[in-house]
Amino acid sequence: MTQKRGETLNLIPSMQQLQLFQALRSLGIVFWLSLPLIGLVFWLGSGFVGDRILSRSNLTKKYLLADTQSARQIMKRIVAIKVEILPEKGISRVNVKTNNSVLTRIVFEFPITDISKLETALSQELGLPRDRVKELIVESNDK
């Protein structure tokens, strides 16, 4: 910098500049200027964490465990089996009546119209011997 004669180098801040600096400092300028930076860090960090969570595969295996013991007990309490064969539709509707207080009736629908095949399917479904199923079956062809 070249300096002309009679001019002084103004290196000392003026009074107005000092007052402005003090006013900005009293407003907490460091705090207010750092907020966008903090916001940017949180935004980028949450984006990264969100991408990691969403790109994770969901391979957790969840199984429903049924109480097979109680299901067997219900099947042993069967009182009657009412079979309604509908040959025009090619199905058989089966109502199983139990003396269990929780489950009093079970309804099945089989794509079978032959009574012997139906007895076999019912014995497999109910877990009863075929002879026992045959004893309990009451045929009904009512519409």
Foldseek 3Di string as FASTA:
>chain_A
DDDDPPDDDPPDDDPVVVVVVVVCVVVVVVVVVCVVVVVVVVVVVVVVVVVVVVVDDDPDDDDDDDDVVVLLVQLVQWQAKEWAADVVVQKIKIWTAGPDPVQGIDIDIGSHRDPVVVLVVVCVVSVHDSVVSVVRYDYDHDD
